[in-house]
């Protein structure tokens, strides 16, 4: 779960959106599965990476 304590640079609104996206993607997986935790971490990483590229696009101002 993304929080202000474990994630830097995002506002609470964006963190809420990221968490809801992870929750939606994880709803397709069985919580009793042996790989559930690994799958959760993988999806969380994917969502985080995507938001980093969308939210923190570097500008090319010289």
PDB file of N, CA and C in Angstrom:
ATOM      1  N   UNK A   1       0.847  -1.170   0.000  1.00  0.00           N
ATOM      2  CA  UNK A   1       0.000   0.000   0.000  1.00  0.00           C
ATOM      3  C   UNK A   1       0.893   1.234   0.000  1.00  0.00           C
ATOM      4  N   UNK A   2       0.555   2.183  -0.836  1.00  0.00           N
ATOM      5  CA  UNK A   2       1.307   3.419  -0.940  1.00  0.00           C
ATOM      6  C   UNK A   2       0.804   4.416   0.107  1.00  0.00           C
ATOM      7  N   UNK A   3       1.730   4.965   0.893  1.00  0.00           N
ATOM      8  CA  UNK A   3       1.387   5.963   1.893  1.00  0.00           C
ATOM      9  C   UNK A   3       2.370   7.122   1.796  1.00  0.00           C
ATOM     10  N   UNK A   4       2.088   8.198   2.519  1.00  0.00           N
ATOM     11  CA  UNK A   4       2.996   9.344   2.553  1.00  0.00           C
ATOM     12  C   UNK A   4       4.308   8.966   3.249  1.00  0.00           C
ATOM     13  N   UNK A   5       4.263   7.946   4.106  1.00  0.00           N
ATOM     14  CA  UNK A   5       5.452   7.537   4.849  1.00  0.00           C
ATOM     15  C   UNK A   5       6.404   6.690   4.005  1.00  0.00           C
ATOM     16  N   UNK A   6       5.864   5.892   3.072  1.00  0.00           N
ATOM     17  CA  UNK A   6       6.740   5.011   2.300  1.00  0.00           C
ATOM     18  C   UNK A   6       6.895   5.436   0.845  1.00  0.00           C
ATOM     19  N   UNK A   7       6.321   6.571   0.485  1.00  0.00           N
ATOM     20  CA  UNK A   7       6.405   7.055  -0.882  1.00  0.00           C
ATOM     21  C   UNK A   7       6.683   8.545  -0.856  1.00  0.00           C
ATOM     22  N   UNK A   8       7.622   8.980  -1.649  1.00  0.00           N
ATOM     23  CA  UNK A   8       8.025  10.378  -1.645  1.00  0.00           C
ATOM     24  C   UNK A   8       7.665  11.036  -2.972  1.00  0.00           C
ATOM     25  N   UNK A   9       7.145  12.258  -2.906  1.00  0.00           N
ATOM     26  CA  UNK A   9       6.909  13.036  -4.106  1.00  0.00           C
ATOM     27  C   UNK A   9       5.501  12.997  -4.662  1.00  0.00           C
ATOM     28  N   UNK A  10       4.621  12.206  -4.069  1.00  0.00           N
ATOM     29  CA  UNK A  10       3.241  12.107  -4.536  1.00  0.00           C
ATOM     30  C   UNK A  10       2.311  12.755  -3.525  1.00  0.00           C
ATOM     31  N   UNK A  11       1.250  13.401  -4.010  1.00  0.00           N
ATOM     32  CA  UNK A  11       0.246  13.933  -3.094  1.00  0.00           C
ATOM     33  C   UNK A  11      -0.727  12.819  -2.710  1.00  0.00           C
ATOM     34  N   UNK A  12      -1.557  13.063  -1.707  1.00  0.00           N
ATOM     35  CA  UNK A  12      -2.464  12.032  -1.206  1.00  0.00           C
ATOM     36  C   UNK A  12      -3.460  11.585  -2.265  1.00  0.00           C
ATOM     37  N   UNK A  13      -3.922  12.496  -3.101  1.00  0.00           N
ATOM     38  CA  UNK A  13      -4.864  12.150  -4.166  1.00  0.00           C
ATOM     39  C   UNK A  13      -4.246  11.124  -5.111  1.00  0.00           C
ATOM     40  N   UNK A  14      -2.999  11.337  -5.509  1.00  0.00           N
ATOM     41  CA  UNK A  14      -2.318  10.416  -6.413  1.00  0.00           C
ATOM     42  C   UNK A  14      -2.077   9.076  -5.734  1.00  0.00           C
ATOM     43  N   UNK A  15      -1.698   9.091  -4.467  1.00  0.00           N
ATOM     44  CA  UNK A  15      -1.501   7.839  -3.740  1.00  0.00           C
ATOM     45  C   UNK A  15      -2.794   7.039  -3.653  1.00  0.00           C
ATOM     46  N   UNK A  16      -3.907   7.726  -3.433  1.00  0.00           N
ATOM     47  CA  UNK A  16      -5.209   7.048  -3.394  1.00  0.00           C
ATOM     48  C   UNK A  16      -5.530   6.406  -4.740  1.00  0.00           C
ATOM     49  N   UNK A  17      -5.235   7.114  -5.816  1.00  0.00           N
ATOM     50  CA  UNK A  17      -5.464   6.556  -7.155  1.00  0.00           C
ATOM     51  C   UNK A  17      -4.582   5.336  -7.397  1.00  0.00           C
ATOM     52  N   UNK A  18      -3.319   5.419  -6.978  1.00  0.00           N
ATOM     53  CA  UNK A  18      -2.403   4.297  -7.150  1.00  0.00           C
ATOM     54  C   UNK A  18      -2.886   3.086  -6.360  1.00  0.00           C
ATOM     55  N   UNK A  19      -3.300   3.299  -5.116  1.00  0.00           N
ATOM     56  CA  UNK A  19      -3.795   2.202  -4.278  1.00  0.00           C
ATOM     57  C   UNK A  19      -5.052   1.576  -4.859  1.00  0.00           C
ATOM     58  N   UNK A  20      -5.950   2.386  -5.390  1.00  0.00           N
ATOM     59  CA  UNK A  20      -7.176   1.825  -5.955  1.00  0.00           C
ATOM     60  C   UNK A  20      -6.877   1.038  -7.221  1.00  0.00           C
ATOM     61  N   UNK A  21      -5.880   1.467  -7.974  1.00  0.00           N
ATOM     62  CA  UNK A  21      -5.502   0.722  -9.171  1.00  0.00           C
ATOM     63  C   UNK A  21      -4.901  -0.632  -8.800  1.00  0.00           C
ATOM     64  N   UNK A  22      -4.053  -0.651  -7.780  1.00  0.00           N
ATOM     65  CA  UNK A  22      -3.480  -1.917  -7.313  1.00  0.00           C
ATOM     66  C   UNK A  22      -4.597  -2.831  -6.825  1.00  0.00           C
ATOM     67  N   UNK A  23      -5.516  -2.285  -6.061  1.00  0.00           N
ATOM     68  CA  UNK A  23      -6.631  -3.079  -5.528  1.00  0.00           C
ATOM     69  C   UNK A  23      -7.467  -3.669  -6.671  1.00  0.00           C
ATOM     70  N   UNK A  24      -7.722  -2.874  -7.684  1.00  0.00           N
ATOM     71  CA  UNK A  24      -8.514  -3.342  -8.827  1.00  0.00           C
ATOM     72  C   UNK A  24      -7.783  -4.472  -9.553  1.00  0.00           C
ATOM     73  N   UNK A  25      -6.500  -4.309  -9.786  1.00  0.00           N
ATOM     74  CA  UNK A  25      -5.731  -5.344 -10.471  1.00  0.00           C
ATOM     75  C   UNK A  25      -5.615  -6.613  -9.631  1.00  0.00           C
ATOM     76  N   UNK A  26      -5.513  -6.461  -8.318  1.00  0.00           N
ATOM     77  CA  UNK A  26      -5.387  -7.615  -7.441  1.00  0.00           C
ATOM     78  C   UNK A  26      -6.710  -8.353  -7.256  1.00  0.00           C
ATOM     79  N   UNK A  27      -7.820  -7.715  -7.547  1.00  0.00           N
ATOM     80  CA  UNK A  27      -9.114  -8.376  -7.394  1.00  0.00           C
ATOM     81  C   UNK A  27      -9.259  -9.567  -8.339  1.00  0.00           C
ATOM     82  N   UNK A  28      -8.404  -9.623  -9.348  1.00  0.00           N
ATOM     83  CA  UNK A  28      -8.441 -10.728 -10.308  1.00  0.00           C
ATOM     84  C   UNK A  28      -7.669 -11.942  -9.806  1.00  0.00           C
ATOM     85  N   UNK A  29      -6.983 -11.807  -8.681  1.00  0.00           N
ATOM     86  CA  UNK A  29      -6.144 -12.883  -8.160  1.00  0.00           C
ATOM     87  C   UNK A  29      -6.720 -13.427  -6.856  1.00  0.00           C
ATOM     88  N   UNK A  30      -6.509 -14.703  -6.646  1.00  0.00           N
ATOM     89  CA  UNK A  30      -6.998 -15.374  -5.449  1.00  0.00           C
ATOM     90  C   UNK A  30      -6.100 -15.056  -4.251  1.00  0.00           C
ATOM     91  N   UNK A  31      -6.646 -14.435  -3.196  1.00  0.00           N
ATOM     92  CA  UNK A  31      -5.840 -14.097  -2.018  1.00  0.00           C
ATOM     93  C   UNK A  31      -5.246 -15.314  -1.311  1.00  0.00           C
ATOM     94  N   UNK A  32      -5.783 -16.480  -1.562  1.00  0.00           N
ATOM     95  CA  UNK A  32      -5.287 -17.696  -0.925  1.00  0.00           C
ATOM     96  C   UNK A  32      -4.176 -18.358  -1.739  1.00  0.00           C
ATOM     97  N   UNK A  33      -3.885 -17.781  -2.885  1.00  0.00           N
ATOM     98  CA  UNK A  33      -2.843 -18.328  -3.740  1.00  0.00           C
ATOM     99  C   UNK A  33      -1.480 -18.218  -3.066  1.00  0.00           C
ATOM    100  N   UNK A  34      -0.613 -19.172  -3.357  1.00  0.00           N
ATOM    101  CA  UNK A  34       0.732 -19.161  -2.782  1.00  0.00           C
ATOM    102  C   UNK A  34       1.547 -17.973  -3.309  1.00  0.00           C
ATOM    103  N   UNK A  35       1.256 -17.530  -4.495  1.00  0.00           N
ATOM    104  CA  UNK A  35       2.013 -16.445  -5.117  1.00  0.00           C
ATOM    105  C   UNK A  35       1.354 -15.085  -4.948  1.00  0.00           C
ATOM    106  N   UNK A  36       0.350 -14.996  -4.111  1.00  0.00           N
ATOM    107  CA  UNK A  36      -0.402 -13.749  -3.971  1.00  0.00           C
ATOM    108  C   UNK A  36       0.498 -12.585  -3.553  1.00  0.00           C
ATOM    109  N   UNK A  37       1.347 -12.801  -2.572  1.00  0.00           N
ATOM    110  CA  UNK A  37       2.214 -11.728  -2.080  1.00  0.00           C
ATOM    111  C   UNK A  37       3.191 -11.269  -3.164  1.00  0.00           C
ATOM    112  N   UNK A  38       3.773 -12.219  -3.884  1.00  0.00           N
ATOM    113  CA  UNK A  38       4.692 -11.868  -4.978  1.00  0.00           C
ATOM    114  C   UNK A  38       3.957 -11.113  -6.073  1.00  0.00           C
ATOM    115  N   UNK A  39       2.766 -11.567  -6.396  1.00  0.00           N
ATOM    116  CA  UNK A  39       1.964 -10.906  -7.420  1.00  0.00           C
ATOM    117  C   UNK A  39       1.609  -9.495  -6.979  1.00  0.00           C
ATOM    118  N   UNK A  40       1.255  -9.333  -5.711  1.00  0.00           N
ATOM    119  CA  UNK A  40       0.917  -8.017  -5.169  1.00  0.00           C
ATOM    120  C   UNK A  40       2.108  -7.070  -5.300  1.00  0.00           C
ATOM    121  N   UNK A  41       3.282  -7.537  -4.912  1.00  0.00           N
ATOM    122  CA  UNK A  41       4.486  -6.713  -4.997  1.00  0.00           C
ATOM    123  C   UNK A  41       4.820  -6.355  -6.438  1.00  0.00           C
ATOM    124  N   UNK A  42       4.650  -7.303  -7.335  1.00  0.00           N
ATOM    125  CA  UNK A  42       4.927  -7.064  -8.755  1.00  0.00           C
ATOM    126  C   UNK A  42       3.984  -6.004  -9.320  1.00  0.00           C
ATOM    127  N   UNK A  43       2.708  -6.133  -9.023  1.00  0.00           N
ATOM    128  CA  UNK A  43       1.720  -5.168  -9.513  1.00  0.00           C
ATOM    129  C   UNK A  43       1.962  -3.805  -8.893  1.00  0.00           C
ATOM    130  N   UNK A  44       2.300  -3.779  -7.617  1.00  0.00           N
ATOM    131  CA  UNK A  44       2.599  -2.522  -6.942  1.00  0.00           C
ATOM    132  C   UNK A  44       3.797  -1.831  -7.609  1.00  0.00           C
ATOM    133  N   UNK A  45       4.818  -2.593  -7.929  1.00  0.00           N
ATOM    134  CA  UNK A  45       5.994  -2.039  -8.617  1.00  0.00           C
ATOM    135  C   UNK A  45       5.624  -1.497  -9.996  1.00  0.00           C
ATOM    136  N   UNK A  46       4.788  -2.228 -10.720  1.00  0.00           N
ATOM    137  CA  UNK A  46       4.373  -1.793 -12.052  1.00  0.00           C
ATOM    138  C   UNK A  46       3.588  -0.488 -11.981  1.00  0.00           C
ATOM    139  N   UNK A  47       2.673  -0.394 -11.040  1.00  0.00           N
ATOM    140  CA  UNK A  47       1.872   0.817 -10.873  1.00  0.00           C
ATOM    141  C   UNK A  47       2.781   1.982 -10.474  1.00  0.00           C
ATOM    142  N   UNK A  48       3.695   1.736  -9.550  1.00  0.00           N
ATOM    143  CA  UNK A  48       4.615   2.780  -9.109  1.00  0.00           C
ATOM    144  C   UNK A  48       5.470   3.281 -10.275  1.00  0.00           C
ATOM    145  N   UNK A  49       6.024   2.364 -11.048  1.00  0.00           N
ATOM    146  CA  UNK A  49       6.856   2.752 -12.189  1.00  0.00           C
ATOM    147  C   UNK A  49       6.067   3.565 -13.206  1.00  0.00           C
ATOM    148  N   UNK A  50       4.842   3.146 -13.463  1.00  0.00           N
ATOM    149  CA  UNK A  50       4.014   3.861 -14.437  1.00  0.00           C
ATOM    150  C   UNK A  50       3.691   5.268 -13.954  1.00  0.00           C
ATOM    151  N   UNK A  51       3.353   5.403 -12.687  1.00  0.00           N
ATOM    152  CA  UNK A  51       3.052   6.729 -12.152  1.00  0.00           C
ATOM    153  C   UNK A  51       4.296   7.615 -12.107  1.00  0.00           C
ATOM    154  N   UNK A  52       5.451   7.015 -11.870  1.00  0.00           N
ATOM    155  CA  UNK A  52       6.691   7.802 -11.869  1.00  0.00           C
ATOM    156  C   UNK A  52       6.953   8.391 -13.250  1.00  0.00           C
ATOM    157  N   UNK A  53       6.696   7.624 -14.289  1.00  0.00           N
ATOM    158  CA  UNK A  53       6.943   8.140 -15.636  1.00  0.00           C
ATOM    159  C   UNK A  53       5.858   9.114 -16.072  1.00  0.00           C
ATOM    160  N   UNK A  54       4.645   8.945 -15.572  1.00  0.00           N
ATOM    161  CA  UNK A  54       3.553   9.850 -15.955  1.00  0.00           C
ATOM    162  C   UNK A  54       3.576  11.138 -15.163  1.00  0.00           C
ATOM    163  N   UNK A  55       3.843  11.073 -13.875  1.00  0.00           N
ATOM    164  CA  UNK A  55       3.767  12.229 -13.001  1.00  0.00           C
ATOM    165  C   UNK A  55       5.063  13.030 -13.019  1.00  0.00           C
ATOM    166  N   UNK A  56       6.185  12.346 -13.078  1.00  0.00           N
ATOM    167  CA  UNK A  56       7.473  13.006 -12.999  1.00  0.00           C
ATOM    168  C   UNK A  56       8.189  13.033 -14.333  1.00  0.00           C
ATOM    169  N   UNK A  57       7.540  13.501 -15.349  1.00  0.00           N
ATOM    170  CA  UNK A  57       8.205  13.631 -16.651  1.00  0.00           C
ATOM    171  C   UNK A  57       9.197  14.782 -16.588  1.00  0.00           C
ATOM    172  N   UNK A  58      10.425  14.513 -16.920  1.00  0.00           N
ATOM    173  CA  UNK A  58      11.414  15.614 -16.883  1.00  0.00           C
ATOM    174  C   UNK A  58      11.169  16.594 -18.015  1.00  0.00           C
ATOM    175  N   UNK A  59      11.341  17.852 -17.709  1.00  0.00           N
ATOM    176  CA  UNK A  59      11.190  18.853 -18.755  1.00  0.00           C
ATOM    177  C   UNK A  59      12.549  19.080 -19.405  1.00  0.00           C
ATOM    178  N   UNK A  60      12.545  19.575 -20.612  1.00  0.00           N
ATOM    179  CA  UNK A  60      13.779  19.787 -21.354  1.00  0.00           C
ATOM    180  C   UNK A  60      14.117  21.257 -21.448  1.00  0.00           C
ATOM    181  N   UNK A  61      13.804  22.025 -20.410  1.00  0.00           N
ATOM    182  CA  UNK A  61      14.134  23.444 -20.407  1.00  0.00           C
ATOM    183  C   UNK A  61      15.633  23.602 -20.275  1.00  0.00           C
ATOM    184  N   UNK A  62      16.193  24.450 -21.097  1.00  0.00           N
ATOM    185  CA  UNK A  62      17.633  24.730 -21.032  1.00  0.00           C
ATOM    186  C   UNK A  62      17.861  26.167 -20.641  1.00  0.00           C
TER     187      UNK A  62
END
